[in-house]
Amino acid sequence: MDEEKAEKVKRFFEEKLKHSKGIYARTPFILEKWQYEKIIKPLYGTLNQDGTRQYRTCLIMIGRKNGKTTLVAGLALYHLFDKNEMGGEVYYAAVDRDQASLAFNEAAQMVR
């Protein structure tokens, strides 16, 4: 486990991103402990022998109103702006266009 790789993602969230809605609007995006421990750390800290991430795809299934859309928007921005990934592309997959646009709009608002 390479915790430094996972910490890099955590720092991106906390130093670059702000929430865009609700009571947390305009406050730094501080990951919940479970978000870091159960999603970010295994996804970004588990590496192949050549130093690349072991997991290239992640399915996040948690209950409603637990911040999936906001988390995914932040991860999309991380990959879009990652200096090690030239020409990076980000795709949202959702049940319908409206749901996909929620994540896109959330990311766009974070950039603004």
C-alpha atoms as a PDB file:
ATOM      1  CA  MET A   1       0.000   0.000   0.000  1.00  0.00           C
ATOM      2  CA  ASP A   2       1.453   3.340  -1.090  1.00  0.00           C
ATOM      3  CA  GLU A   3      -0.309   5.806   1.181  1.00  0.00           C
ATOM      4  CA  GLU A   4       1.479   8.772  -0.397  1.00  0.00           C
ATOM      5  CA  LYS A   5      -0.429   8.209  -3.666  1.00  0.00           C
ATOM      6  CA  ALA A   6      -3.728   8.147  -1.761  1.00  0.00           C
ATOM      7  CA  GLU A   7      -2.715  11.195   0.285  1.00  0.00           C
ATOM      8  CA  LYS A   8      -2.074  13.088  -2.964  1.00  0.00           C
ATOM      9  CA  VAL A   9      -5.726  12.599  -3.927  1.00  0.00           C
ATOM     10  CA  LYS A  10      -6.857  13.608  -0.425  1.00  0.00           C
ATOM     11  CA  ARG A  11      -4.760  16.799  -0.602  1.00  0.00           C
ATOM     12  CA  PHE A  12      -6.261  17.651  -4.000  1.00  0.00           C
ATOM     13  CA  PHE A  13      -9.751  17.468  -2.499  1.00  0.00           C
ATOM     14  CA  GLU A  14      -8.887  19.436   0.619  1.00  0.00           C
ATOM     15  CA  GLU A  15      -6.688  22.109  -0.967  1.00  0.00           C
ATOM     16  CA  LYS A  16      -8.299  22.631  -4.379  1.00  0.00           C
ATOM     17  CA  LEU A  17     -12.002  21.783  -4.098  1.00  0.00           C
ATOM     18  CA  LYS A  18     -14.881  23.439  -2.302  1.00  0.00           C
ATOM     19  CA  HIS A  19     -18.425  22.245  -1.829  1.00  0.00           C
ATOM     20  CA  SER A  20     -20.890  24.062  -4.037  1.00  0.00           C
ATOM     21  CA  LYS A  21     -24.272  23.433  -2.381  1.00  0.00           C
ATOM     22  CA  GLY A  22     -26.084  23.339   0.916  1.00  0.00           C
ATOM     23  CA  ILE A  23     -24.702  24.146   4.341  1.00  0.00           C
ATOM     24  CA  TYR A  24     -21.158  23.268   3.233  1.00  0.00           C
ATOM     25  CA  ALA A  25     -21.170  25.584   0.197  1.00  0.00           C
ATOM     26  CA  ARG A  26     -17.832  27.386  -0.297  1.00  0.00           C
ATOM     27  CA  THR A  27     -16.114  25.310   2.397  1.00  0.00           C
ATOM     28  CA  PRO A  28     -13.147  23.041   1.645  1.00  0.00           C
ATOM     29  CA  PHE A  29     -14.010  19.491   0.581  1.00  0.00           C
ATOM     30  CA  ILE A  30     -12.725  17.513   3.560  1.00  0.00           C
ATOM     31  CA  LEU A  31     -13.160  13.813   2.878  1.00  0.00           C
ATOM     32  CA  GLU A  32     -15.022  11.830   5.497  1.00  0.00           C
ATOM     33  CA  LYS A  33     -12.852   9.183   7.150  1.00  0.00           C
ATOM     34  CA  TRP A  34     -14.881   6.380   5.541  1.00  0.00           C
ATOM     35  CA  GLN A  35     -14.536   7.987   2.088  1.00  0.00           C
ATOM     36  CA  TYR A  36     -10.778   8.029   2.447  1.00  0.00           C
ATOM     37  CA  GLU A  37     -10.362   4.630   4.121  1.00  0.00           C
ATOM     38  CA  LYS A  38     -12.883   2.655   2.052  1.00  0.00           C
ATOM     39  CA  ILE A  39     -12.662   4.316  -1.362  1.00  0.00           C
ATOM     40  CA  ILE A  40      -9.680   6.622  -1.930  1.00  0.00           C
ATOM     41  CA  LYS A  41      -6.961   4.729  -0.089  1.00  0.00           C
ATOM     42  CA  PRO A  42      -7.560   1.295  -1.665  1.00  0.00           C
ATOM     43  CA  LEU A  43      -8.263   2.753  -5.108  1.00  0.00           C
ATOM     44  CA  TYR A  44      -5.201   4.989  -5.319  1.00  0.00           C
ATOM     45  CA  GLY A  45      -2.822   3.373  -2.828  1.00  0.00           C
ATOM     46  CA  THR A  46      -2.891  -0.172  -4.235  1.00  0.00           C
ATOM     47  CA  LEU A  47      -0.236  -0.332  -6.930  1.00  0.00           C
ATOM     48  CA  ASN A  48       1.109  -2.844  -9.429  1.00  0.00           C
ATOM     49  CA  GLN A  49       4.794  -3.724  -9.332  1.00  0.00           C
ATOM     50  CA  ASP A  50       5.487  -1.116 -12.017  1.00  0.00           C
ATOM     51  CA  GLY A  51       3.973   1.631  -9.827  1.00  0.00           C
ATOM     52  CA  THR A  52       0.719   2.034 -11.763  1.00  0.00           C
ATOM     53  CA  ARG A  53      -2.622   1.866 -10.011  1.00  0.00           C
ATOM     54  CA  GLN A  54      -3.941  -1.674  -9.711  1.00  0.00           C
ATOM     55  CA  TYR A  55      -7.566  -0.593  -9.997  1.00  0.00           C
ATOM     56  CA  ARG A  56      -8.609   1.339 -13.095  1.00  0.00           C
ATOM     57  CA  THR A  57     -12.369   1.059 -12.520  1.00  0.00           C
ATOM     58  CA  CYS A  58     -14.396   1.566  -9.372  1.00  0.00           C
ATOM     59  CA  LEU A  59     -18.055   0.909  -8.641  1.00  0.00           C
ATOM     60  CA  ILE A  60     -19.299   2.936  -5.676  1.00  0.00           C
ATOM     61  CA  MET A  61     -22.563   1.691  -4.203  1.00  0.00           C
ATOM     62  CA  ILE A  62     -23.756   3.534  -1.115  1.00  0.00           C
ATOM     63  CA  GLY A  63     -27.138   4.774   0.015  1.00  0.00           C
ATOM     64  CA  ARG A  64     -28.846   7.903  -1.185  1.00  0.00           C
ATOM     65  CA  LYS A  65     -27.742  11.289   0.110  1.00  0.00           C
ATOM     66  CA  ASN A  66     -24.249  10.134   1.072  1.00  0.00           C
ATOM     67  CA  GLY A  67     -22.383  12.379  -1.378  1.00  0.00           C
ATOM     68  CA  LYS A  68     -21.689   9.985  -4.259  1.00  0.00           C
ATOM     69  CA  THR A  69     -22.246  12.648  -6.916  1.00  0.00           C
ATOM     70  CA  THR A  70     -20.003  15.161  -5.158  1.00  0.00           C
ATOM     71  CA  LEU A  71     -17.274  12.577  -4.566  1.00  0.00           C
ATOM     72  CA  VAL A  72     -17.373  11.424  -8.191  1.00  0.00           C
ATOM     73  CA  ALA A  73     -17.248  15.028  -9.416  1.00  0.00           C
ATOM     74  CA  GLY A  74     -14.133  15.608  -7.314  1.00  0.00           C
ATOM     75  CA  LEU A  75     -12.488  12.413  -8.584  1.00  0.00           C
ATOM     76  CA  ALA A  76     -13.261  13.400 -12.175  1.00  0.00           C
ATOM     77  CA  LEU A  77     -11.567  16.757 -11.624  1.00  0.00           C
ATOM     78  CA  TYR A  78      -8.571  15.064 -10.029  1.00  0.00           C
ATOM     79  CA  HIS A  79      -8.099  12.911 -13.122  1.00  0.00           C
ATOM     80  CA  LEU A  80      -8.756  15.796 -15.485  1.00  0.00           C
ATOM     81  CA  PHE A  81      -6.048  17.937 -13.874  1.00  0.00           C
ATOM     82  CA  ASP A  82      -3.573  15.152 -13.009  1.00  0.00           C
ATOM     83  CA  LYS A  83      -0.175  16.266 -14.286  1.00  0.00           C
ATOM     84  CA  ASN A  84       0.890  12.667 -14.919  1.00  0.00           C
ATOM     85  CA  GLU A  85      -1.969  12.014 -17.358  1.00  0.00           C
ATOM     86  CA  MET A  86      -1.563  14.038 -20.524  1.00  0.00           C
ATOM     87  CA  GLY A  87      -4.795  14.372 -22.480  1.00  0.00           C
ATOM     88  CA  GLY A  88      -6.810  12.732 -19.718  1.00  0.00           C
ATOM     89  CA  GLU A  89     -10.471  12.105 -20.426  1.00  0.00           C
ATOM     90  CA  VAL A  90     -13.306  11.689 -17.949  1.00  0.00           C
ATOM     91  CA  TYR A  91     -16.606   9.945 -18.588  1.00  0.00           C
ATOM     92  CA  TYR A  92     -19.688   9.793 -16.385  1.00  0.00           C
ATOM     93  CA  ALA A  93     -21.892   6.714 -16.543  1.00  0.00           C
ATOM     94  CA  ALA A  94     -25.355   7.012 -15.069  1.00  0.00           C
ATOM     95  CA  VAL A  95     -28.845   5.600 -15.366  1.00  0.00           C
ATOM     96  CA  ASP A  96     -29.914   8.539 -17.516  1.00  0.00           C
ATOM     97  CA  ARG A  97     -28.667  11.796 -18.965  1.00  0.00           C
ATOM     98  CA  ASP A  98     -30.150  13.861 -16.131  1.00  0.00           C
ATOM     99  CA  GLN A  99     -28.215  11.898 -13.513  1.00  0.00           C
ATOM    100  CA  ALA A 100     -24.971  12.179 -15.478  1.00  0.00           C
ATOM    101  CA  SER A 101     -25.514  15.923 -15.838  1.00  0.00           C
ATOM    102  CA  LEU A 102     -25.783  16.252 -12.036  1.00  0.00           C
ATOM    103  CA  ALA A 103     -22.196  15.029 -11.648  1.00  0.00           C
ATOM    104  CA  PHE A 104     -20.969  17.150 -14.564  1.00  0.00           C
ATOM    105  CA  ASN A 105     -22.689  20.262 -13.190  1.00  0.00           C
ATOM    106  CA  GLU A 106     -21.283  19.608  -9.716  1.00  0.00           C
ATOM    107  CA  ALA A 107     -17.749  19.398 -11.135  1.00  0.00           C
ATOM    108  CA  ALA A 108     -18.311  22.546 -13.201  1.00  0.00           C
ATOM    109  CA  GLN A 109     -19.511  24.418 -10.118  1.00  0.00           C
ATOM    110  CA  MET A 110     -16.445  23.273  -8.143  1.00  0.00           C
ATOM    111  CA  VAL A 111     -14.216  24.733 -10.855  1.00  0.00           C
ATOM    112  CA  ARG A 112     -16.089  28.031 -10.816  1.00  0.00           C
END
